[in-house]
Amino acid sequence: MLQTQGLKFAYNSNLSFSFPDMECKEGSHWLILGQSGCGKTTLLHILGGMRKPTSGLISINGMEINKMDEATLDNFRGGHIGVIFQQPHLINAITVEENLLAAQYLAQKKQDKKRVRELLEKLNLSAKLKVRPKRLSQGEQQRVSIARALINNPVLVLADEPTSSLDDDNCKEVVDLLLEQSKEHNATLIIVTHDNRLKSLFENQIELTPSKQEY
C-alpha cells in the first residue's frame, strides 16, 4: 500500500535527513518515534505529499506521488490521504459541518451531509454540527480534525504528534479513536511522535535518529 525507498530530504547543506525504507500494508498501524530534530514531521510531510524529497521514491497504492505535478498531487492527496496536524487548523468563520463539507469540496468530492453527520455521530460530536470551532474545547477541536482527515475515506491517515499535549486519559482516548476509525475504514495509520506512552499500543514501530549529511 505504502512503500518508500531511499528517501532523503535536505533543508540546506548543513541540515539533511535520510529515512529508513518503509513497506506498510493496507490497514496496518505504524508508530514513528524519535526526539525533536530527527525529522519526524519532515517525513510525515513527505509521505503526505506536502514536501518533495530530495531523492527517493514514495508509492501509495502503486502511484509514485513524488513524480506527480502539483495539480495531480493535490487531487490525489485530497482523495487518498488524511492528515491530522499538531494544531487543528479549522476555519473559525464557518461551522463544524461546513468545515467537513469544505474538505469534501476541496478534494473534488460530492458534498455529502449524511456522511458528515454519520462521522460526527461516531466521534460524539453530533451536538456540535452547527457550532463554530472557536466555541469548542481543545479535545473537541481535535476530534473535528480527525473527522476532517477521515471524511473522504482515505487509504492513508497521517497524524503528527496527536497526543503530545494531552494527559494520560485523553491520550488513550485519542489513540483509541484513531485506531478504531482507521480499522473501520481499513486505512493505513501512521503516527509520528516522541510520546513513549504509545509504544505499547503499536506492533509496527520505526525509530528515527538525527541525521546530518553533506550533499
N, C-alpha and C. Protein backbone atom coordinates (compact mmCIF):
# COMPACT_ATOMS: atom_id res chain seq x y z
N MET A 1 0.83 -1.20 0.00
CA MET A 1 0.00 0.00 0.00
C MET A 1 0.87 1.26 0.00
N LEU A 2 1.72 1.41 1.05
CA LEU A 2 2.69 2.49 1.09
C LEU A 2 4.09 1.90 1.06
N GLN A 3 4.89 2.40 0.14
CA GLN A 3 6.27 1.92 0.03
C GLN A 3 7.18 3.11 -0.22
N THR A 4 8.31 3.15 0.52
CA THR A 4 9.31 4.19 0.28
C THR A 4 10.66 3.52 0.08
N GLN A 5 11.48 4.16 -0.74
CA GLN A 5 12.84 3.66 -0.97
C GLN A 5 13.80 4.84 -1.06
N GLY A 6 14.85 4.80 -0.27
CA GLY A 6 15.93 5.77 -0.38
C GLY A 6 15.54 7.21 -0.17
N LEU A 7 14.58 7.47 0.72
CA LEU A 7 14.12 8.85 0.92
C LEU A 7 15.18 9.69 1.61
N LYS A 8 15.45 10.85 1.02
CA LYS A 8 16.34 11.83 1.62
C LYS A 8 15.72 13.21 1.44
N PHE A 9 15.98 14.07 2.42
CA PHE A 9 15.49 15.45 2.29
C PHE A 9 16.53 16.38 2.88
N ALA A 10 16.84 17.46 2.15
CA ALA A 10 17.82 18.44 2.62
C ALA A 10 17.17 19.83 2.70
N TYR A 11 17.24 20.43 3.89
CA TYR A 11 16.81 21.82 4.03
C TYR A 11 17.89 22.77 3.50
N ASN A 12 19.12 22.40 3.76
CA ASN A 12 20.26 23.16 3.27
C ASN A 12 21.48 22.25 3.35
N SER A 13 22.66 22.81 3.09
CA SER A 13 23.88 21.98 3.06
C SER A 13 24.27 21.45 4.43
N ASN A 14 23.72 22.05 5.49
CA ASN A 14 24.10 21.64 6.84
C ASN A 14 23.04 20.80 7.56
N LEU A 15 21.84 20.75 7.01
CA LEU A 15 20.76 20.03 7.68
C LEU A 15 20.02 19.16 6.67
N SER A 16 20.16 17.86 6.81
CA SER A 16 19.51 16.93 5.90
C SER A 16 19.19 15.64 6.64
N PHE A 17 18.30 14.87 6.06
CA PHE A 17 17.83 13.64 6.68
C PHE A 17 17.82 12.50 5.67
N SER A 18 18.17 11.31 6.14
CA SER A 18 17.99 10.07 5.39
C SER A 18 17.03 9.20 6.18
N PHE A 19 15.99 8.71 5.51
CA PHE A 19 14.95 7.97 6.20
C PHE A 19 14.98 6.48 5.84
N PRO A 20 14.66 5.61 6.79
CA PRO A 20 14.64 4.18 6.50
C PRO A 20 13.54 3.84 5.50
N ASP A 21 13.77 2.80 4.71
CA ASP A 21 12.74 2.34 3.78
C ASP A 21 11.54 1.80 4.56
N MET A 22 10.36 2.01 4.00
CA MET A 22 9.13 1.57 4.64
C MET A 22 8.31 0.73 3.67
N GLU A 23 7.60 -0.24 4.22
CA GLU A 23 6.63 -1.01 3.44
C GLU A 23 5.44 -1.31 4.36
N CYS A 24 4.38 -0.55 4.18
CA CYS A 24 3.22 -0.64 5.07
C CYS A 24 2.04 -1.24 4.32
N LYS A 25 1.53 -2.32 4.83
CA LYS A 25 0.40 -2.98 4.19
C LYS A 25 -0.90 -2.22 4.45
N GLU A 26 -1.87 -2.45 3.59
CA GLU A 26 -3.18 -1.84 3.74
C GLU A 26 -3.78 -2.19 5.10
N GLY A 27 -4.26 -1.17 5.81
CA GLY A 27 -4.89 -1.40 7.10
C GLY A 27 -3.94 -1.57 8.27
N SER A 28 -2.64 -1.46 8.04
CA SER A 28 -1.68 -1.63 9.13
C SER A 28 -1.52 -0.32 9.90
N HIS A 29 -1.00 -0.44 11.12
CA HIS A 29 -0.85 0.72 12.02
C HIS A 29 0.61 0.85 12.42
N TRP A 30 1.15 2.05 12.28
CA TRP A 30 2.57 2.28 12.49
C TRP A 30 2.81 3.46 13.42
N LEU A 31 3.89 3.34 14.18
CA LEU A 31 4.35 4.40 15.05
C LEU A 31 5.77 4.78 14.62
N ILE A 32 5.98 6.05 14.34
CA ILE A 32 7.31 6.55 14.01
C ILE A 32 7.77 7.43 15.17
N LEU A 33 8.79 6.96 15.87
CA LEU A 33 9.25 7.59 17.11
C LEU A 33 10.56 8.34 16.89
N GLY A 34 10.83 9.27 17.80
CA GLY A 34 12.10 9.98 17.75
C GLY A 34 11.99 11.31 18.47
N GLN A 35 13.09 11.78 18.97
CA GLN A 35 13.12 13.05 19.67
C GLN A 35 13.11 14.22 18.67
N SER A 36 12.92 15.41 19.19
CA SER A 36 12.92 16.59 18.34
C SER A 36 14.23 16.67 17.56
N GLY A 37 14.10 17.03 16.28
CA GLY A 37 15.29 17.18 15.45
C GLY A 37 15.64 15.97 14.62
N CYS A 38 14.87 14.88 14.74
CA CYS A 38 15.21 13.68 13.98
C CYS A 38 14.47 13.60 12.65
N GLY A 39 13.58 14.55 12.38
CA GLY A 39 12.92 14.60 11.07
C GLY A 39 11.56 13.94 11.00
N LYS A 40 10.91 13.74 12.15
CA LYS A 40 9.60 13.05 12.15
C LYS A 40 8.56 13.81 11.32
N THR A 41 8.40 15.10 11.62
CA THR A 41 7.40 15.89 10.91
C THR A 41 7.78 16.05 9.45
N THR A 42 9.06 16.19 9.17
CA THR A 42 9.52 16.25 7.78
C THR A 42 9.11 14.99 7.03
N LEU A 43 9.32 13.84 7.64
CA LEU A 43 8.94 12.57 7.00
C LEU A 43 7.44 12.52 6.77
N LEU A 44 6.66 12.93 7.76
CA LEU A 44 5.20 12.91 7.60
C LEU A 44 4.78 13.81 6.44
N HIS A 45 5.38 14.98 6.34
CA HIS A 45 5.04 15.88 5.24
C HIS A 45 5.44 15.30 3.88
N ILE A 46 6.53 14.57 3.85
CA ILE A 46 6.93 13.92 2.60
C ILE A 46 5.94 12.81 2.23
N LEU A 47 5.56 12.00 3.22
CA LEU A 47 4.61 10.91 2.96
C LEU A 47 3.26 11.45 2.52
N GLY A 48 2.89 12.63 3.03
CA GLY A 48 1.62 13.24 2.67
C GLY A 48 1.68 14.09 1.41
N GLY A 49 2.84 14.14 0.77
CA GLY A 49 2.96 14.91 -0.46
C GLY A 49 3.03 16.41 -0.25
N MET A 50 3.29 16.85 0.99
CA MET A 50 3.38 18.28 1.27
C MET A 50 4.80 18.81 1.10
N ARG A 51 5.76 17.91 1.04
CA ARG A 51 7.13 18.23 0.67
C ARG A 51 7.62 17.19 -0.32
N LYS A 52 8.44 17.62 -1.25
CA LYS A 52 9.04 16.67 -2.18
C LYS A 52 10.42 16.27 -1.66
N PRO A 53 10.73 14.97 -1.66
CA PRO A 53 12.05 14.55 -1.18
C PRO A 53 13.15 15.01 -2.12
N THR A 54 14.33 15.17 -1.56
CA THR A 54 15.48 15.48 -2.40
C THR A 54 15.78 14.32 -3.34
N SER A 55 15.57 13.11 -2.84
CA SER A 55 15.72 11.91 -3.66
C SER A 55 14.92 10.79 -3.03
N GLY A 56 14.67 9.76 -3.81
CA GLY A 56 13.95 8.61 -3.30
C GLY A 56 12.57 8.48 -3.91
N LEU A 57 11.88 7.43 -3.51
CA LEU A 57 10.58 7.06 -4.09
C LEU A 57 9.52 6.91 -3.00
N ILE A 58 8.31 7.40 -3.29
CA ILE A 58 7.15 7.18 -2.42
C ILE A 58 6.02 6.66 -3.29
N SER A 59 5.54 5.46 -2.98
CA SER A 59 4.45 4.86 -3.74
C SER A 59 3.27 4.59 -2.82
N ILE A 60 2.09 5.07 -3.21
CA ILE A 60 0.85 4.83 -2.47
C ILE A 60 -0.13 4.17 -3.41
N ASN A 61 -0.49 2.95 -3.10
CA ASN A 61 -1.37 2.16 -3.98
C ASN A 61 -0.84 2.12 -5.40
N GLY A 62 0.47 1.98 -5.51
CA GLY A 62 1.10 1.84 -6.82
C GLY A 62 1.35 3.14 -7.56
N MET A 63 0.99 4.27 -6.96
CA MET A 63 1.18 5.58 -7.60
C MET A 63 2.38 6.27 -6.96
N GLU A 64 3.35 6.65 -7.78
CA GLU A 64 4.54 7.32 -7.28
C GLU A 64 4.25 8.82 -7.14
N ILE A 65 3.92 9.23 -5.91
CA ILE A 65 3.44 10.59 -5.72
C ILE A 65 4.55 11.63 -5.89
N ASN A 66 5.80 11.23 -5.68
CA ASN A 66 6.90 12.19 -5.82
C ASN A 66 7.14 12.58 -7.27
N LYS A 67 6.52 11.85 -8.21
CA LYS A 67 6.67 12.16 -9.63
C LYS A 67 5.48 12.93 -10.19
N MET A 68 4.48 13.19 -9.35
CA MET A 68 3.28 13.89 -9.81
C MET A 68 3.52 15.39 -9.87
N ASP A 69 2.84 16.07 -10.81
CA ASP A 69 2.87 17.54 -10.79
C ASP A 69 1.95 18.02 -9.68
N GLU A 70 2.01 19.31 -9.37
CA GLU A 70 1.31 19.84 -8.20
C GLU A 70 -0.20 19.63 -8.28
N ALA A 71 -0.79 19.87 -9.44
CA ALA A 71 -2.24 19.74 -9.57
C ALA A 71 -2.69 18.30 -9.38
N THR A 72 -1.95 17.37 -9.99
CA THR A 72 -2.29 15.94 -9.86
C THR A 72 -2.10 15.49 -8.42
N LEU A 73 -1.03 15.95 -7.79
CA LEU A 73 -0.75 15.58 -6.40
C LEU A 73 -1.82 16.12 -5.46
N ASP A 74 -2.24 17.36 -5.66
CA ASP A 74 -3.28 17.94 -4.81
C ASP A 74 -4.56 17.12 -4.90
N ASN A 75 -4.93 16.72 -6.09
CA ASN A 75 -6.14 15.93 -6.30
C ASN A 75 -6.01 14.55 -5.66
N PHE A 76 -4.84 13.94 -5.83
CA PHE A 76 -4.60 12.61 -5.27
C PHE A 76 -4.62 12.66 -3.75
N ARG A 77 -3.97 13.65 -3.18
CA ARG A 77 -3.90 13.79 -1.73
C ARG A 77 -5.29 13.99 -1.13
N GLY A 78 -6.10 14.82 -1.76
CA GLY A 78 -7.43 15.09 -1.26
C GLY A 78 -8.30 13.85 -1.21
N GLY A 79 -8.10 12.94 -2.15
CA GLY A 79 -8.94 11.76 -2.21
C GLY A 79 -8.38 10.53 -1.54
N HIS A 80 -7.09 10.53 -1.22
CA HIS A 80 -6.45 9.31 -0.72
C HIS A 80 -5.73 9.45 0.61
N ILE A 81 -5.42 10.69 1.04
CA ILE A 81 -4.62 10.89 2.24
C ILE A 81 -5.34 11.81 3.20
N GLY A 82 -5.42 11.40 4.46
CA GLY A 82 -5.97 12.26 5.51
C GLY A 82 -4.86 12.63 6.48
N VAL A 83 -4.74 13.92 6.78
CA VAL A 83 -3.65 14.39 7.65
C VAL A 83 -4.23 15.06 8.90
N ILE A 84 -3.71 14.66 10.06
CA ILE A 84 -4.07 15.29 11.32
C ILE A 84 -2.83 16.02 11.82
N PHE A 85 -2.89 17.34 11.83
CA PHE A 85 -1.75 18.15 12.22
C PHE A 85 -1.70 18.33 13.73
N GLN A 86 -0.59 18.85 14.23
CA GLN A 86 -0.47 19.11 15.67
C GLN A 86 -1.52 20.10 16.14
N GLN A 87 -1.81 21.10 15.32
CA GLN A 87 -2.86 22.06 15.59
C GLN A 87 -4.02 21.80 14.63
N PRO A 88 -5.28 21.97 15.08
CA PRO A 88 -6.42 21.60 14.24
C PRO A 88 -6.52 22.35 12.90
N HIS A 89 -6.13 23.64 12.88
CA HIS A 89 -6.22 24.44 11.65
C HIS A 89 -7.62 24.41 11.05
N LEU A 90 -8.63 24.54 11.89
CA LEU A 90 -10.01 24.61 11.42
C LEU A 90 -10.34 26.05 11.03
N ILE A 91 -11.36 26.21 10.19
CA ILE A 91 -11.79 27.55 9.76
C ILE A 91 -12.83 28.05 10.75
N ASN A 92 -12.46 29.04 11.55
CA ASN A 92 -13.33 29.51 12.63
C ASN A 92 -14.55 30.28 12.14
N ALA A 93 -14.52 30.77 10.91
CA ALA A 93 -15.63 31.57 10.40
C ALA A 93 -16.83 30.74 9.97
N ILE A 94 -16.66 29.41 9.89
CA ILE A 94 -17.76 28.53 9.46
C ILE A 94 -17.95 27.42 10.49
N THR A 95 -19.07 26.72 10.40
CA THR A 95 -19.43 25.70 11.39
C THR A 95 -18.59 24.43 11.20
N VAL A 96 -18.71 23.54 12.18
CA VAL A 96 -18.06 22.23 12.09
C VAL A 96 -18.52 21.50 10.83
N GLU A 97 -19.83 21.48 10.59
CA GLU A 97 -20.36 20.82 9.39
C GLU A 97 -19.76 21.42 8.13
N GLU A 98 -19.69 22.74 8.07
CA GLU A 98 -19.17 23.41 6.88
C GLU A 98 -17.68 23.14 6.70
N ASN A 99 -16.93 22.99 7.80
CA ASN A 99 -15.51 22.63 7.70
C ASN A 99 -15.34 21.28 7.00
N LEU A 100 -16.19 20.32 7.35
CA LEU A 100 -16.08 18.99 6.75
C LEU A 100 -16.57 18.99 5.31
N LEU A 101 -17.64 19.74 5.03
CA LEU A 101 -18.11 19.86 3.65
C LEU A 101 -17.06 20.53 2.77
N ALA A 102 -16.33 21.49 3.35
CA ALA A 102 -15.26 22.16 2.61
C ALA A 102 -14.16 21.18 2.25
N ALA A 103 -13.85 20.26 3.17
CA ALA A 103 -12.83 19.24 2.88
C ALA A 103 -13.26 18.35 1.72
N GLN A 104 -14.54 18.03 1.65
CA GLN A 104 -15.04 17.25 0.52
C GLN A 104 -14.95 18.06 -0.78
N TYR A 105 -15.34 19.32 -0.70
CA TYR A 105 -15.33 20.18 -1.88
C TYR A 105 -13.91 20.35 -2.43
N LEU A 106 -12.94 20.60 -1.54
CA LEU A 106 -11.57 20.82 -1.97
C LEU A 106 -10.96 19.57 -2.58
N ALA A 107 -11.47 18.40 -2.17
CA ALA A 107 -10.99 17.14 -2.74
C ALA A 107 -11.78 16.75 -4.00
N GLN A 108 -12.63 17.67 -4.45
CA GLN A 108 -13.47 17.43 -5.63
C GLN A 108 -14.38 16.22 -5.44
N LYS A 109 -14.85 16.07 -4.20
CA LYS A 109 -15.80 15.02 -3.86
C LYS A 109 -17.20 15.63 -3.74
N LYS A 110 -18.21 14.78 -3.89
CA LYS A 110 -19.58 15.23 -3.67
C LYS A 110 -19.75 15.62 -2.21
N GLN A 111 -20.37 16.77 -1.97
CA GLN A 111 -20.61 17.20 -0.59
C GLN A 111 -21.77 16.39 -0.02
N ASP A 112 -21.45 15.56 0.94
CA ASP A 112 -22.38 14.56 1.46
C ASP A 112 -22.67 14.85 2.93
N LYS A 113 -23.80 15.53 3.17
CA LYS A 113 -24.15 15.89 4.55
C LYS A 113 -24.44 14.66 5.39
N LYS A 114 -24.96 13.61 4.78
CA LYS A 114 -25.24 12.38 5.52
C LYS A 114 -23.94 11.78 6.05
N ARG A 115 -22.91 11.75 5.21
CA ARG A 115 -21.60 11.23 5.63
C ARG A 115 -21.03 12.08 6.76
N VAL A 116 -21.17 13.40 6.66
CA VAL A 116 -20.68 14.30 7.71
C VAL A 116 -21.36 13.99 9.04
N ARG A 117 -22.69 13.87 9.01
CA ARG A 117 -23.44 13.62 10.24
C ARG A 117 -23.10 12.26 10.84
N GLU A 118 -22.96 11.24 10.00
CA GLU A 118 -22.63 9.90 10.49
C GLU A 118 -21.26 9.90 11.17
N LEU A 119 -20.30 10.57 10.56
CA LEU A 119 -18.95 10.59 11.12
C LEU A 119 -18.91 11.37 12.43
N LEU A 120 -19.58 12.49 12.48
CA LEU A 120 -19.62 13.28 13.72
C LEU A 120 -20.32 12.52 14.83
N GLU A 121 -21.33 11.74 14.48
CA GLU A 121 -22.02 10.92 15.49
C GLU A 121 -21.07 9.89 16.08
N LYS A 122 -20.25 9.26 15.24
CA LYS A 122 -19.30 8.26 15.73
C LYS A 122 -18.25 8.89 16.64
N LEU A 123 -17.99 10.17 16.43
CA LEU A 123 -16.99 10.87 17.23
C LEU A 123 -17.62 11.65 18.39
N ASN A 124 -18.90 11.37 18.66
CA ASN A 124 -19.63 12.04 19.75
C ASN A 124 -19.64 13.56 19.59
N LEU A 125 -19.84 13.99 18.34
CA LEU A 125 -19.85 15.42 18.05
C LEU A 125 -21.15 15.87 17.38
N SER A 126 -22.17 15.04 17.43
CA SER A 126 -23.43 15.38 16.74
C SER A 126 -23.99 16.72 17.20
N ALA A 127 -23.87 17.00 18.49
CA ALA A 127 -24.42 18.24 19.04
C ALA A 127 -23.64 19.48 18.60
N LYS A 128 -22.47 19.28 17.99
CA LYS A 128 -21.61 20.40 17.61
C LYS A 128 -21.68 20.70 16.11
N LEU A 129 -22.62 20.09 15.42
CA LEU A 129 -22.72 20.20 13.96
C LEU A 129 -22.74 21.65 13.49
N LYS A 130 -23.54 22.48 14.14
CA LYS A 130 -23.72 23.87 13.70
C LYS A 130 -22.91 24.87 14.53
N VAL A 131 -21.97 24.35 15.31
CA VAL A 131 -21.14 25.19 16.17
C VAL A 131 -19.85 25.57 15.44
N ARG A 132 -19.37 26.77 15.67
CA ARG A 132 -18.09 27.18 15.07
C ARG A 132 -16.93 26.68 15.95
N PRO A 133 -15.82 26.31 15.31
CA PRO A 133 -14.71 25.69 16.03
C PRO A 133 -14.21 26.45 17.24
N LYS A 134 -14.22 27.77 17.19
CA LYS A 134 -13.67 28.54 18.31
C LYS A 134 -14.48 28.36 19.60
N ARG A 135 -15.70 27.81 19.49
CA ARG A 135 -16.54 27.57 20.65
C ARG A 135 -16.38 26.15 21.18
N LEU A 136 -15.48 25.39 20.60
CA LEU A 136 -15.23 24.01 21.02
C LEU A 136 -14.05 23.94 21.98
N SER A 137 -14.02 22.89 22.80
CA SER A 137 -12.86 22.64 23.64
C SER A 137 -11.70 22.14 22.78
N GLN A 138 -10.52 22.09 23.37
CA GLN A 138 -9.35 21.59 22.64
C GLN A 138 -9.58 20.16 22.17
N GLY A 139 -10.14 19.32 23.06
CA GLY A 139 -10.39 17.94 22.69
C GLY A 139 -11.41 17.81 21.58
N GLU A 140 -12.44 18.65 21.61
CA GLU A 140 -13.46 18.62 20.56
C GLU A 140 -12.88 19.07 19.23
N GLN A 141 -12.05 20.10 19.25
CA GLN A 141 -11.40 20.55 18.02
C GLN A 141 -10.53 19.45 17.44
N GLN A 142 -9.85 18.71 18.31
CA GLN A 142 -9.01 17.63 17.85
C GLN A 142 -9.83 16.53 17.18
N ARG A 143 -11.00 16.23 17.77
CA ARG A 143 -11.87 15.22 17.16
C ARG A 143 -12.43 15.69 15.82
N VAL A 144 -12.70 16.98 15.71
CA VAL A 144 -13.14 17.51 14.41
C VAL A 144 -12.03 17.37 13.37
N SER A 145 -10.80 17.60 13.79
CA SER A 145 -9.68 17.46 12.85
C SER A 145 -9.51 16.00 12.42
N ILE A 146 -9.82 15.07 13.32
CA ILE A 146 -9.81 13.64 12.96
C ILE A 146 -10.92 13.35 11.97
N ALA A 147 -12.10 13.92 12.22
CA ALA A 147 -13.22 13.75 11.28
C ALA A 147 -12.86 14.29 9.91
N ARG A 148 -12.22 15.45 9.88
CA ARG A 148 -11.81 16.04 8.59
C ARG A 148 -10.83 15.14 7.85
N ALA A 149 -9.92 14.53 8.59
CA ALA A 149 -8.94 13.64 7.97
C ALA A 149 -9.59 12.39 7.40
N LEU A 150 -10.73 11.98 7.99
CA LEU A 150 -11.38 10.73 7.59
C LEU A 150 -12.54 10.93 6.62
N ILE A 151 -12.97 12.17 6.41
CA ILE A 151 -14.21 12.44 5.71
C ILE A 151 -14.24 11.88 4.29
N ASN A 152 -13.09 11.83 3.63
CA ASN A 152 -13.05 11.36 2.24
C ASN A 152 -12.60 9.90 2.11
N ASN A 153 -12.73 9.15 3.21
CA ASN A 153 -12.36 7.72 3.23
C ASN A 153 -10.96 7.48 2.68
N PRO A 154 -9.94 8.11 3.28
CA PRO A 154 -8.58 7.97 2.76
C PRO A 154 -8.04 6.55 2.97
N VAL A 155 -7.08 6.19 2.13
CA VAL A 155 -6.41 4.90 2.30
C VAL A 155 -5.23 5.03 3.25
N LEU A 156 -4.79 6.28 3.48
CA LEU A 156 -3.65 6.56 4.36
C LEU A 156 -4.00 7.71 5.29
N VAL A 157 -3.84 7.48 6.61
CA VAL A 157 -4.07 8.53 7.61
C VAL A 157 -2.74 8.82 8.30
N LEU A 158 -2.34 10.09 8.30
CA LEU A 158 -1.09 10.52 8.91
C LEU A 158 -1.40 11.46 10.07
N ALA A 159 -0.84 11.18 11.23
CA ALA A 159 -1.10 12.01 12.42
C ALA A 159 0.22 12.51 12.99
N ASP A 160 0.30 13.82 13.17
CA ASP A 160 1.53 14.45 13.65
C ASP A 160 1.39 14.83 15.12
N GLU A 161 2.06 14.10 16.01
CA GLU A 161 2.07 14.36 17.45
C GLU A 161 0.64 14.59 18.00
N PRO A 162 -0.29 13.66 17.76
CA PRO A 162 -1.67 13.91 18.18
C PRO A 162 -1.89 13.88 19.69
N THR A 163 -0.90 13.38 20.46
CA THR A 163 -1.10 13.24 21.91
C THR A 163 -0.10 14.03 22.74
N SER A 164 0.74 14.83 22.12
CA SER A 164 1.87 15.44 22.83
C SER A 164 1.44 16.36 23.96
N SER A 165 0.28 17.00 23.83
CA SER A 165 -0.15 17.95 24.87
C SER A 165 -1.29 17.41 25.73
N LEU A 166 -1.53 16.11 25.68
CA LEU A 166 -2.67 15.52 26.37
C LEU A 166 -2.25 14.75 27.62
N ASP A 167 -3.13 14.72 28.63
CA ASP A 167 -2.89 13.89 29.80
C ASP A 167 -3.13 12.43 29.44
N ASP A 168 -2.88 11.51 30.37
CA ASP A 168 -2.94 10.09 30.07
C ASP A 168 -4.31 9.64 29.58
N ASP A 169 -5.36 10.12 30.24
CA ASP A 169 -6.71 9.69 29.87
C ASP A 169 -7.07 10.15 28.46
N ASN A 170 -6.80 11.42 28.17
CA ASN A 170 -7.13 11.94 26.84
C ASN A 170 -6.21 11.36 25.76
N CYS A 171 -4.98 11.05 26.14
CA CYS A 171 -4.04 10.41 25.22
C CYS A 171 -4.61 9.07 24.75
N LYS A 172 -5.05 8.25 25.69
CA LYS A 172 -5.60 6.95 25.34
C LYS A 172 -6.87 7.09 24.51
N GLU A 173 -7.70 8.06 24.84
CA GLU A 173 -8.95 8.26 24.11
C GLU A 173 -8.68 8.61 22.65
N VAL A 174 -7.72 9.50 22.42
CA VAL A 174 -7.41 9.91 21.05
C VAL A 174 -6.81 8.75 20.25
N VAL A 175 -5.88 8.01 20.85
CA VAL A 175 -5.27 6.89 20.13
C VAL A 175 -6.30 5.80 19.84
N ASP A 176 -7.15 5.50 20.82
CA ASP A 176 -8.21 4.51 20.59
C ASP A 176 -9.11 4.95 19.45
N LEU A 177 -9.41 6.23 19.39
CA LEU A 177 -10.27 6.76 18.35
C LEU A 177 -9.61 6.62 16.97
N LEU A 178 -8.33 6.96 16.89
CA LEU A 178 -7.61 6.83 15.62
C LEU A 178 -7.55 5.37 15.16
N LEU A 179 -7.26 4.47 16.09
CA LEU A 179 -7.19 3.04 15.74
C LEU A 179 -8.56 2.52 15.32
N GLU A 180 -9.58 2.90 16.05
CA GLU A 180 -10.94 2.44 15.75
C GLU A 180 -11.39 2.90 14.37
N GLN A 181 -11.18 4.19 14.09
CA GLN A 181 -11.63 4.74 12.81
C GLN A 181 -10.82 4.21 11.64
N SER A 182 -9.51 4.03 11.82
CA SER A 182 -8.70 3.50 10.72
C SER A 182 -9.06 2.04 10.44
N LYS A 183 -9.35 1.27 11.50
CA LYS A 183 -9.77 -0.11 11.30
C LYS A 183 -11.11 -0.18 10.57
N GLU A 184 -12.02 0.69 10.95
CA GLU A 184 -13.35 0.68 10.34
C GLU A 184 -13.26 0.94 8.84
N HIS A 185 -12.33 1.79 8.44
CA HIS A 185 -12.20 2.15 7.03
C HIS A 185 -11.02 1.43 6.34
N ASN A 186 -10.40 0.50 7.07
CA ASN A 186 -9.26 -0.27 6.54
C ASN A 186 -8.17 0.65 5.99
N ALA A 187 -7.95 1.76 6.70
CA ALA A 187 -6.93 2.71 6.29
C ALA A 187 -5.62 2.42 7.00
N THR A 188 -4.53 2.64 6.33
CA THR A 188 -3.22 2.55 6.97
C THR A 188 -3.01 3.79 7.82
N LEU A 189 -2.62 3.59 9.07
CA LEU A 189 -2.44 4.69 10.02
C LEU A 189 -0.97 4.81 10.39
N ILE A 190 -0.44 6.02 10.26
CA ILE A 190 0.95 6.29 10.66
C ILE A 190 0.94 7.49 11.59
N ILE A 191 1.43 7.28 12.81
CA ILE A 191 1.53 8.36 13.80
C ILE A 191 3.01 8.66 14.02
N VAL A 192 3.38 9.93 13.92
CA VAL A 192 4.74 10.33 14.26
C VAL A 192 4.69 11.03 15.61
N THR A 193 5.59 10.66 16.51
CA THR A 193 5.51 11.18 17.87
C THR A 193 6.81 10.98 18.63
N HIS A 194 6.97 11.74 19.72
CA HIS A 194 8.04 11.45 20.67
C HIS A 194 7.42 10.95 21.98
N ASP A 195 6.10 10.67 21.96
CA ASP A 195 5.35 10.26 23.14
C ASP A 195 5.53 8.76 23.38
N ASN A 196 6.35 8.41 24.35
CA ASN A 196 6.65 7.00 24.61
C ASN A 196 5.47 6.23 25.18
N ARG A 197 4.40 6.93 25.59
CA ARG A 197 3.21 6.24 26.09
C ARG A 197 2.54 5.40 25.02
N LEU A 198 2.81 5.69 23.76
CA LEU A 198 2.14 4.99 22.67
C LEU A 198 2.85 3.69 22.27
N LYS A 199 4.06 3.49 22.78
CA LYS A 199 4.86 2.35 22.33
C LYS A 199 4.16 1.02 22.51
N SER A 200 3.48 0.83 23.64
CA SER A 200 2.87 -0.46 23.93
C SER A 200 1.63 -0.73 23.09
N LEU A 201 1.15 0.27 22.36
CA LEU A 201 -0.09 0.13 21.60
C LEU A 201 0.12 -0.22 20.14
N PHE A 202 1.38 -0.20 19.68
CA PHE A 202 1.66 -0.41 18.27
C PHE A 202 2.72 -1.49 18.09
N GLU A 203 2.39 -2.48 17.29
CA GLU A 203 3.34 -3.55 17.00
C GLU A 203 4.40 -3.08 16.02
N ASN A 204 3.99 -2.26 15.03
CA ASN A 204 4.91 -1.79 13.99
C ASN A 204 5.49 -0.44 14.40
N GLN A 205 6.80 -0.38 14.58
CA GLN A 205 7.45 0.85 15.03
C GLN A 205 8.74 1.10 14.26
N ILE A 206 8.99 2.38 14.02
CA ILE A 206 10.24 2.81 13.39
C ILE A 206 10.83 3.91 14.28
N GLU A 207 12.08 3.76 14.65
CA GLU A 207 12.76 4.76 15.49
C GLU A 207 13.69 5.58 14.61
N LEU A 208 13.47 6.89 14.58
CA LEU A 208 14.34 7.78 13.82
C LEU A 208 15.40 8.37 14.72
N THR A 209 16.57 8.58 14.17
CA THR A 209 17.65 9.23 14.89
C THR A 209 18.11 10.43 14.08
N PRO A 210 18.64 11.48 14.73
CA PRO A 210 19.11 12.66 13.98
C PRO A 210 20.13 12.26 12.93
N SER A 211 19.98 12.86 11.76
CA SER A 211 20.86 12.51 10.64
C SER A 211 21.27 13.76 9.90
N LYS A 212 22.58 14.00 9.82
CA LYS A 212 23.09 15.13 9.06
C LYS A 212 24.12 14.63 8.06
N GLN A 213 23.98 15.07 6.82
CA GLN A 213 24.89 14.63 5.77
C GLN A 213 25.23 15.80 4.86
N GLU A 214 26.29 15.67 4.16
CA GLU A 214 26.66 16.65 3.16
C GLU A 214 26.07 16.22 1.82
N TYR A 215 25.55 17.15 1.06
CA TYR A 215 25.03 16.88 -0.27
C TYR A 215 25.90 17.57 -1.31
